[in-house]
């Protein structure tokens, strides 16, 4: 279950990146979208942390979940670099 859930979270992260990077009518709207996406990505990363902890507690391998979490973290960091 955690690997499946982590894939869903990764897809959500990718969709948020696409949302924030789409063509916005103004710089203000783009900034708002980036802030919204960043906030949602932060929530996704918390969910990843919970999945990692759950998998570890159940004696399951966390490598796949960690890799997907790293991808979402990179999406978040990339978004922050381009927003500044």
PDB file of N, CA and C in Angstrom:
ATOM      1  N   UNK A   1       0.821  -1.214   0.000  1.00  0.00           N
ATOM      2  CA  UNK A   1       0.000   0.000   0.000  1.00  0.00           C
ATOM      3  C   UNK A   1       0.854   1.264   0.000  1.00  0.00           C
ATOM      4  N   UNK A   2       1.900   1.409   0.818  1.00  0.00           N
ATOM      5  CA  UNK A   2       2.663   2.651   0.810  1.00  0.00           C
ATOM      6  C   UNK A   2       3.289   3.005  -0.541  1.00  0.00           C
ATOM      7  N   UNK A   3       3.777   2.011  -1.297  1.00  0.00           N
ATOM      8  CA  UNK A   3       4.382   2.334  -2.591  1.00  0.00           C
ATOM      9  C   UNK A   3       3.326   2.861  -3.549  1.00  0.00           C
ATOM     10  N   UNK A   4       2.164   2.245  -3.556  1.00  0.00           N
ATOM     11  CA  UNK A   4       1.073   2.721  -4.404  1.00  0.00           C
ATOM     12  C   UNK A   4       0.691   4.144  -4.008  1.00  0.00           C
ATOM     13  N   UNK A   5       0.555   4.398  -2.721  1.00  0.00           N
ATOM     14  CA  UNK A   5       0.193   5.726  -2.239  1.00  0.00           C
ATOM     15  C   UNK A   5       1.279   6.741  -2.582  1.00  0.00           C
ATOM     16  N   UNK A   6       2.525   6.332  -2.510  1.00  0.00           N
ATOM     17  CA  UNK A   6       3.606   7.264  -2.830  1.00  0.00           C
ATOM     18  C   UNK A   6       3.610   7.618  -4.314  1.00  0.00           C
ATOM     19  N   UNK A   7       3.231   6.669  -5.170  1.00  0.00           N
ATOM     20  CA  UNK A   7       3.109   6.986  -6.608  1.00  0.00           C
ATOM     21  C   UNK A   7       2.040   8.043  -6.833  1.00  0.00           C
ATOM     22  N   UNK A   8       0.929   7.896  -6.125  1.00  0.00           N
ATOM     23  CA  UNK A   8      -0.147   8.888  -6.237  1.00  0.00           C
ATOM     24  C   UNK A   8       0.334  10.267  -5.782  1.00  0.00           C
ATOM     25  N   UNK A   9       1.091  10.304  -4.706  1.00  0.00           N
ATOM     26  CA  UNK A   9       1.618  11.582  -4.217  1.00  0.00           C
ATOM     27  C   UNK A   9       2.606  12.182  -5.212  1.00  0.00           C
ATOM     28  N   UNK A  10       3.422  11.350  -5.830  1.00  0.00           N
ATOM     29  CA  UNK A  10       4.359  11.834  -6.848  1.00  0.00           C
ATOM     30  C   UNK A  10       3.595  12.438  -8.026  1.00  0.00           C
ATOM     31  N   UNK A  11       2.560  11.769  -8.473  1.00  0.00           N
ATOM     32  CA  UNK A  11       1.741  12.293  -9.577  1.00  0.00           C
ATOM     33  C   UNK A  11       1.117  13.634  -9.190  1.00  0.00           C
ATOM     34  N   UNK A  12       0.633  13.738  -7.970  1.00  0.00           N
ATOM     35  CA  UNK A  12       0.071  15.004  -7.501  1.00  0.00           C
ATOM     36  C   UNK A  12       1.130  16.109  -7.535  1.00  0.00           C
ATOM     37  N   UNK A  13       2.340  15.772  -7.118  1.00  0.00           N
ATOM     38  CA  UNK A  13       3.428  16.743  -7.149  1.00  0.00           C
ATOM     39  C   UNK A  13       3.737  17.208  -8.561  1.00  0.00           C
ATOM     40  N   UNK A  14       3.761  16.290  -9.489  1.00  0.00           N
ATOM     41  CA  UNK A  14       4.022  16.632 -10.888  1.00  0.00           C
ATOM     42  C   UNK A  14       2.903  17.504 -11.448  1.00  0.00           C
ATOM     43  N   UNK A  15       1.668  17.197 -11.089  1.00  0.00           N
ATOM     44  CA  UNK A  15       0.534  18.002 -11.542  1.00  0.00           C
ATOM     45  C   UNK A  15       0.599  19.413 -10.968  1.00  0.00           C
ATOM     46  N   UNK A  16       1.031  19.539  -9.729  1.00  0.00           N
ATOM     47  CA  UNK A  16       1.181  20.864  -9.127  1.00  0.00           C
ATOM     48  C   UNK A  16       2.254  21.683  -9.840  1.00  0.00           C
ATOM     49  N   UNK A  17       3.337  21.016 -10.245  1.00  0.00           N
ATOM     50  CA  UNK A  17       4.383  21.716 -11.000  1.00  0.00           C
ATOM     51  C   UNK A  17       3.806  22.244 -12.313  1.00  0.00           C
ATOM     52  N   UNK A  18       3.076  21.398 -13.013  1.00  0.00           N
ATOM     53  CA  UNK A  18       2.470  21.812 -14.280  1.00  0.00           C
ATOM     54  C   UNK A  18       1.502  22.973 -14.074  1.00  0.00           C
ATOM     55  N   UNK A  19       0.729  22.914 -13.015  1.00  0.00           N
ATOM     56  CA  UNK A  19      -0.213  23.983 -12.689  1.00  0.00           C
ATOM     57  C   UNK A  19       0.526  25.301 -12.471  1.00  0.00           C
ATOM     58  N   UNK A  20       1.564  25.272 -11.675  1.00  0.00           N
ATOM     59  CA  UNK A  20       2.288  26.502 -11.341  1.00  0.00           C
ATOM     60  C   UNK A  20       3.054  27.067 -12.538  1.00  0.00           C
ATOM     61  N   UNK A  21       3.495  26.194 -13.436  1.00  0.00           N
ATOM     62  CA  UNK A  21       4.323  26.636 -14.550  1.00  0.00           C
ATOM     63  C   UNK A  21       3.540  26.981 -15.805  1.00  0.00           C
ATOM     64  N   UNK A  22       2.235  26.799 -15.773  1.00  0.00           N
ATOM     65  CA  UNK A  22       1.459  27.120 -16.978  1.00  0.00           C
ATOM     66  C   UNK A  22       1.484  28.617 -17.241  1.00  0.00           C
ATOM     67  N   UNK A  23       1.047  29.008 -18.396  1.00  0.00           N
ATOM     68  CA  UNK A  23       1.044  30.434 -18.736  1.00  0.00           C
ATOM     69  C   UNK A  23      -0.029  31.192 -17.978  1.00  0.00           C
ATOM     70  N   UNK A  24       0.395  32.107 -17.139  1.00  0.00           N
ATOM     71  CA  UNK A  24      -0.534  32.911 -16.350  1.00  0.00           C
ATOM     72  C   UNK A  24      -0.668  34.291 -16.983  1.00  0.00           C
ATOM     73  N   UNK A  25      -1.826  34.914 -16.790  1.00  0.00           N
ATOM     74  CA  UNK A  25      -2.104  36.216 -17.395  1.00  0.00           C
ATOM     75  C   UNK A  25      -1.248  37.328 -16.811  1.00  0.00           C
ATOM     76  N   UNK A  26      -0.816  37.140 -15.573  1.00  0.00           N
ATOM     77  CA  UNK A  26       0.001  38.184 -14.945  1.00  0.00           C
ATOM     78  C   UNK A  26       1.020  37.542 -14.014  1.00  0.00           C
ATOM     79  N   UNK A  27       2.012  38.324 -13.672  1.00  0.00           N
ATOM     80  CA  UNK A  27       3.029  37.852 -12.737  1.00  0.00           C
ATOM     81  C   UNK A  27       2.423  37.605 -11.362  1.00  0.00           C
ATOM     82  N   UNK A  28       1.451  38.412 -10.997  1.00  0.00           N
ATOM     83  CA  UNK A  28       0.783  38.247  -9.698  1.00  0.00           C
ATOM     84  C   UNK A  28       0.066  36.903  -9.621  1.00  0.00           C
ATOM     85  N   UNK A  29      -0.647  36.542 -10.677  1.00  0.00           N
ATOM     86  CA  UNK A  29      -1.339  35.246 -10.696  1.00  0.00           C
ATOM     87  C   UNK A  29      -0.339  34.094 -10.655  1.00  0.00           C
ATOM     88  N   UNK A  30       0.774  34.245 -11.350  1.00  0.00           N
ATOM     89  CA  UNK A  30       1.812  33.208 -11.343  1.00  0.00           C
ATOM     90  C   UNK A  30       2.375  33.036  -9.937  1.00  0.00           C
ATOM     91  N   UNK A  31       2.650  34.149  -9.263  1.00  0.00           N
ATOM     92  CA  UNK A  31       3.183  34.077  -7.901  1.00  0.00           C
ATOM     93  C   UNK A  31       2.202  33.394  -6.956  1.00  0.00           C
ATOM     94  N   UNK A  32       0.929  33.713  -7.102  1.00  0.00           N
ATOM     95  CA  UNK A  32      -0.085  33.077  -6.248  1.00  0.00           C
ATOM     96  C   UNK A  32      -0.140  31.573  -6.500  1.00  0.00           C
ATOM     97  N   UNK A  33      -0.047  31.201  -7.771  1.00  0.00           N
ATOM     98  CA  UNK A  33      -0.076  29.773  -8.123  1.00  0.00           C
ATOM     99  C   UNK A  33       1.127  29.048  -7.537  1.00  0.00           C
ATOM    100  N   UNK A  34       2.292  29.684  -7.594  1.00  0.00           N
ATOM    101  CA  UNK A  34       3.503  29.076  -7.044  1.00  0.00           C
ATOM    102  C   UNK A  34       3.378  28.907  -5.533  1.00  0.00           C
ATOM    103  N   UNK A  35       2.848  29.922  -4.860  1.00  0.00           N
ATOM    104  CA  UNK A  35       2.661  29.829  -3.406  1.00  0.00           C
ATOM    105  C   UNK A  35       1.683  28.716  -3.069  1.00  0.00           C
ATOM    106  N   UNK A  36       0.579  28.646  -3.801  1.00  0.00           N
ATOM    107  CA  UNK A  36      -0.405  27.587  -3.568  1.00  0.00           C
ATOM    108  C   UNK A  36       0.209  26.204  -3.795  1.00  0.00           C
ATOM    109  N   UNK A  37       0.934  26.069  -4.902  1.00  0.00           N
ATOM    110  CA  UNK A  37       1.560  24.778  -5.218  1.00  0.00           C
ATOM    111  C   UNK A  37       2.598  24.419  -4.161  1.00  0.00           C
ATOM    112  N   UNK A  38       3.378  25.391  -3.730  1.00  0.00           N
ATOM    113  CA  UNK A  38       4.403  25.138  -2.713  1.00  0.00           C
ATOM    114  C   UNK A  38       3.769  24.632  -1.427  1.00  0.00           C
ATOM    115  N   UNK A  39       2.686  25.264  -1.015  1.00  0.00           N
ATOM    116  CA  UNK A  39       1.988  24.848   0.200  1.00  0.00           C
ATOM    117  C   UNK A  39       1.482  23.411   0.071  1.00  0.00           C
ATOM    118  N   UNK A  40       0.901  23.098  -1.066  1.00  0.00           N
ATOM    119  CA  UNK A  40       0.385  21.740  -1.279  1.00  0.00           C
ATOM    120  C   UNK A  40       1.521  20.727  -1.361  1.00  0.00           C
ATOM    121  N   UNK A  41       2.641  21.125  -1.949  1.00  0.00           N
ATOM    122  CA  UNK A  41       3.800  20.229  -2.000  1.00  0.00           C
ATOM    123  C   UNK A  41       4.331  19.958  -0.596  1.00  0.00           C
ATOM    124  N   UNK A  42       4.326  20.977   0.251  1.00  0.00           N
ATOM    125  CA  UNK A  42       4.765  20.784   1.642  1.00  0.00           C
ATOM    126  C   UNK A  42       3.871  19.760   2.340  1.00  0.00           C
ATOM    127  N   UNK A  43       2.567  19.821   2.079  1.00  0.00           N
ATOM    128  CA  UNK A  43       1.636  18.849   2.665  1.00  0.00           C
ATOM    129  C   UNK A  43       1.886  17.449   2.112  1.00  0.00           C
ATOM    130  N   UNK A  44       2.197  17.362   0.833  1.00  0.00           N
ATOM    131  CA  UNK A  44       2.512  16.066   0.223  1.00  0.00           C
ATOM    132  C   UNK A  44       3.766  15.477   0.864  1.00  0.00           C
ATOM    133  N   UNK A  45       4.754  16.315   1.120  1.00  0.00           N
ATOM    134  CA  UNK A  45       5.992  15.829   1.739  1.00  0.00           C
ATOM    135  C   UNK A  45       5.744  15.305   3.146  1.00  0.00           C
ATOM    136  N   UNK A  46       4.808  15.908   3.873  1.00  0.00           N
ATOM    137  CA  UNK A  46       4.430  15.396   5.195  1.00  0.00           C
ATOM    138  C   UNK A  46       3.797  14.012   5.045  1.00  0.00           C
ATOM    139  N   UNK A  47       2.955  13.852   4.041  1.00  0.00           N
ATOM    140  CA  UNK A  47       2.339  12.544   3.796  1.00  0.00           C
ATOM    141  C   UNK A  47       3.400  11.502   3.448  1.00  0.00           C
ATOM    142  N   UNK A  48       4.411  11.921   2.678  1.00  0.00           N
ATOM    143  CA  UNK A  48       5.508  11.005   2.371  1.00  0.00           C
ATOM    144  C   UNK A  48       6.216  10.572   3.648  1.00  0.00           C
ATOM    145  N   UNK A  49       6.446  11.497   4.542  1.00  0.00           N
ATOM    146  CA  UNK A  49       7.110  11.179   5.804  1.00  0.00           C
ATOM    147  C   UNK A  49       6.302  10.128   6.566  1.00  0.00           C
ATOM    148  N   UNK A  50       4.993  10.300   6.574  1.00  0.00           N
ATOM    149  CA  UNK A  50       4.129   9.328   7.239  1.00  0.00           C
ATOM    150  C   UNK A  50       4.218   7.954   6.573  1.00  0.00           C
ATOM    151  N   UNK A  51       4.266   7.934   5.242  1.00  0.00           N
ATOM    152  CA  UNK A  51       4.382   6.662   4.526  1.00  0.00           C
ATOM    153  C   UNK A  51       5.705   5.962   4.828  1.00  0.00           C
ATOM    154  N   UNK A  52       6.785   6.741   4.880  1.00  0.00           N
ATOM    155  CA  UNK A  52       8.093   6.174   5.196  1.00  0.00           C
ATOM    156  C   UNK A  52       8.070   5.571   6.603  1.00  0.00           C
ATOM    157  N   UNK A  53       7.532   6.317   7.536  1.00  0.00           N
ATOM    158  CA  UNK A  53       7.457   5.820   8.917  1.00  0.00           C
ATOM    159  C   UNK A  53       6.600   4.563   9.010  1.00  0.00           C
ATOM    160  N   UNK A  54       5.465   4.567   8.317  1.00  0.00           N
ATOM    161  CA  UNK A  54       4.568   3.412   8.326  1.00  0.00           C
ATOM    162  C   UNK A  54       5.258   2.187   7.729  1.00  0.00           C
ATOM    163  N   UNK A  55       5.932   2.378   6.612  1.00  0.00           N
ATOM    164  CA  UNK A  55       6.627   1.263   5.966  1.00  0.00           C
ATOM    165  C   UNK A  55       7.731   0.730   6.875  1.00  0.00           C
ATOM    166  N   UNK A  56       8.493   1.634   7.475  1.00  0.00           N
ATOM    167  CA  UNK A  56       9.582   1.214   8.358  1.00  0.00           C
ATOM    168  C   UNK A  56       9.047   0.444   9.563  1.00  0.00           C
ATOM    169  N   UNK A  57       7.947   0.930  10.129  1.00  0.00           N
ATOM    170  CA  UNK A  57       7.345   0.250  11.285  1.00  0.00           C
ATOM    171  C   UNK A  57       6.868  -1.153  10.930  1.00  0.00           C
ATOM    172  N   UNK A  58       6.469  -1.337   9.674  1.00  0.00           N
ATOM    173  CA  UNK A  58       5.993  -2.641   9.222  1.00  0.00           C
ATOM    174  C   UNK A  58       7.108  -3.496   8.633  1.00  0.00           C
ATOM    175  N   UNK A  59       8.343  -3.035   8.758  1.00  0.00           N
ATOM    176  CA  UNK A  59       9.484  -3.796   8.274  1.00  0.00           C
ATOM    177  C   UNK A  59       9.608  -3.844   6.761  1.00  0.00           C
ATOM    178  N   UNK A  60       9.012  -2.881   6.085  1.00  0.00           N
ATOM    179  CA  UNK A  60       9.070  -2.847   4.626  1.00  0.00           C
ATOM    180  C   UNK A  60      10.200  -1.933   4.157  1.00  0.00           C
ATOM    181  N   UNK A  61      10.645  -2.190   2.947  1.00  0.00           N
ATOM    182  CA  UNK A  61      11.701  -1.385   2.328  1.00  0.00           C
ATOM    183  C   UNK A  61      11.153   0.011   2.014  1.00  0.00           C
ATOM    184  N   UNK A  62      11.917   1.034   2.338  1.00  0.00           N
ATOM    185  CA  UNK A  62      11.470   2.404   2.108  1.00  0.00           C
ATOM    186  C   UNK A  62      12.196   3.079   0.950  1.00  0.00           C
ATOM    187  N   UNK A  63      13.054   2.359   0.251  1.00  0.00           N
ATOM    188  CA  UNK A  63      13.877   2.959  -0.805  1.00  0.00           C
ATOM    189  C   UNK A  63      13.013   3.578  -1.908  1.00  0.00           C
ATOM    190  N   UNK A  64      12.002   2.859  -2.381  1.00  0.00           N
ATOM    191  CA  UNK A  64      11.142   3.379  -3.440  1.00  0.00           C
ATOM    192  C   UNK A  64      10.380   4.617  -3.008  1.00  0.00           C
ATOM    193  N   UNK A  65       9.861   4.575  -1.797  1.00  0.00           N
ATOM    194  CA  UNK A  65       9.120   5.719  -1.265  1.00  0.00           C
ATOM    195  C   UNK A  65      10.050   6.918  -1.118  1.00  0.00           C
ATOM    196  N   UNK A  66      11.255   6.667  -0.602  1.00  0.00           N
ATOM    197  CA  UNK A  66      12.244   7.736  -0.433  1.00  0.00           C
ATOM    198  C   UNK A  66      12.618   8.359  -1.776  1.00  0.00           C
ATOM    199  N   UNK A  67      12.743   7.540  -2.809  1.00  0.00           N
ATOM    200  CA  UNK A  67      13.098   8.055  -4.137  1.00  0.00           C
ATOM    201  C   UNK A  67      11.996   8.959  -4.673  1.00  0.00           C
ATOM    202  N   UNK A  68      10.753   8.554  -4.489  1.00  0.00           N
ATOM    203  CA  UNK A  68       9.638   9.386  -4.954  1.00  0.00           C
ATOM    204  C   UNK A  68       9.523  10.660  -4.137  1.00  0.00           C
ATOM    205  N   UNK A  69       9.787  10.552  -2.841  1.00  0.00           N
ATOM    206  CA  UNK A  69       9.772  11.749  -1.997  1.00  0.00           C
ATOM    207  C   UNK A  69      10.850  12.722  -2.451  1.00  0.00           C
ATOM    208  N   UNK A  70      12.012  12.207  -2.813  1.00  0.00           N
ATOM    209  CA  UNK A  70      13.099  13.067  -3.287  1.00  0.00           C
ATOM    210  C   UNK A  70      12.699  13.792  -4.576  1.00  0.00           C
ATOM    211  N   UNK A  71      11.961  13.125  -5.442  1.00  0.00           N
ATOM    212  CA  UNK A  71      11.506  13.768  -6.683  1.00  0.00           C
ATOM    213  C   UNK A  71      10.549  14.913  -6.384  1.00  0.00           C
ATOM    214  N   UNK A  72       9.646  14.697  -5.433  1.00  0.00           N
ATOM    215  CA  UNK A  72       8.706  15.760  -5.068  1.00  0.00           C
ATOM    216  C   UNK A  72       9.458  16.912  -4.402  1.00  0.00           C
ATOM    217  N   UNK A  73      10.427  16.591  -3.573  1.00  0.00           N
ATOM    218  CA  UNK A  73      11.241  17.631  -2.931  1.00  0.00           C
ATOM    219  C   UNK A  73      11.974  18.449  -3.989  1.00  0.00           C
ATOM    220  N   UNK A  74      12.480  17.795  -5.021  1.00  0.00           N
ATOM    221  CA  UNK A  74      13.163  18.503  -6.105  1.00  0.00           C
ATOM    222  C   UNK A  74      12.187  19.395  -6.869  1.00  0.00           C
ATOM    223  N   UNK A  75      10.969  18.929  -7.080  1.00  0.00           N
ATOM    224  CA  UNK A  75       9.949  19.767  -7.729  1.00  0.00           C
ATOM    225  C   UNK A  75       9.739  21.029  -6.901  1.00  0.00           C
ATOM    226  N   UNK A  76       9.610  20.849  -5.594  1.00  0.00           N
ATOM    227  CA  UNK A  76       9.398  21.982  -4.697  1.00  0.00           C
ATOM    228  C   UNK A  76      10.583  22.955  -4.744  1.00  0.00           C
ATOM    229  N   UNK A  77      11.790  22.423  -4.652  1.00  0.00           N
ATOM    230  CA  UNK A  77      12.979  23.266  -4.668  1.00  0.00           C
ATOM    231  C   UNK A  77      13.133  23.992  -6.007  1.00  0.00           C
ATOM    232  N   UNK A  78      12.871  23.306  -7.092  1.00  0.00           N
ATOM    233  CA  UNK A  78      12.957  23.904  -8.420  1.00  0.00           C
ATOM    234  C   UNK A  78      11.950  25.043  -8.555  1.00  0.00           C
ATOM    235  N   UNK A  79      10.764  24.816  -8.055  1.00  0.00           N
ATOM    236  CA  UNK A  79       9.732  25.847  -8.105  1.00  0.00           C
ATOM    237  C   UNK A  79      10.151  27.078  -7.316  1.00  0.00           C
ATOM    238  N   UNK A  80      10.761  26.855  -6.171  1.00  0.00           N
ATOM    239  CA  UNK A  80      11.227  27.981  -5.352  1.00  0.00           C
ATOM    240  C   UNK A  80      12.352  28.744  -6.032  1.00  0.00           C
ATOM    241  N   UNK A  81      13.256  28.015  -6.700  1.00  0.00           N
ATOM    242  CA  UNK A  81      14.359  28.689  -7.404  1.00  0.00           C
ATOM    243  C   UNK A  81      13.840  29.567  -8.536  1.00  0.00           C
ATOM    244  N   UNK A  82      12.855  29.104  -9.260  1.00  0.00           N
ATOM    245  CA  UNK A  82      12.339  29.884 -10.387  1.00  0.00           C
ATOM    246  C   UNK A  82      11.429  31.006  -9.926  1.00  0.00           C
ATOM    247  N   UNK A  83      10.861  30.904  -8.738  1.00  0.00           N
ATOM    248  CA  UNK A  83       9.953  31.929  -8.238  1.00  0.00           C
ATOM    249  C   UNK A  83      10.694  33.140  -7.692  1.00  0.00           C
ATOM    250  N   UNK A  84      11.928  32.935  -7.308  1.00  0.00           N
ATOM    251  CA  UNK A  84      12.691  34.039  -6.675  1.00  0.00           C
ATOM    252  C   UNK A  84      13.248  34.971  -7.702  1.00  0.00           C
TER     253      UNK A  84
END
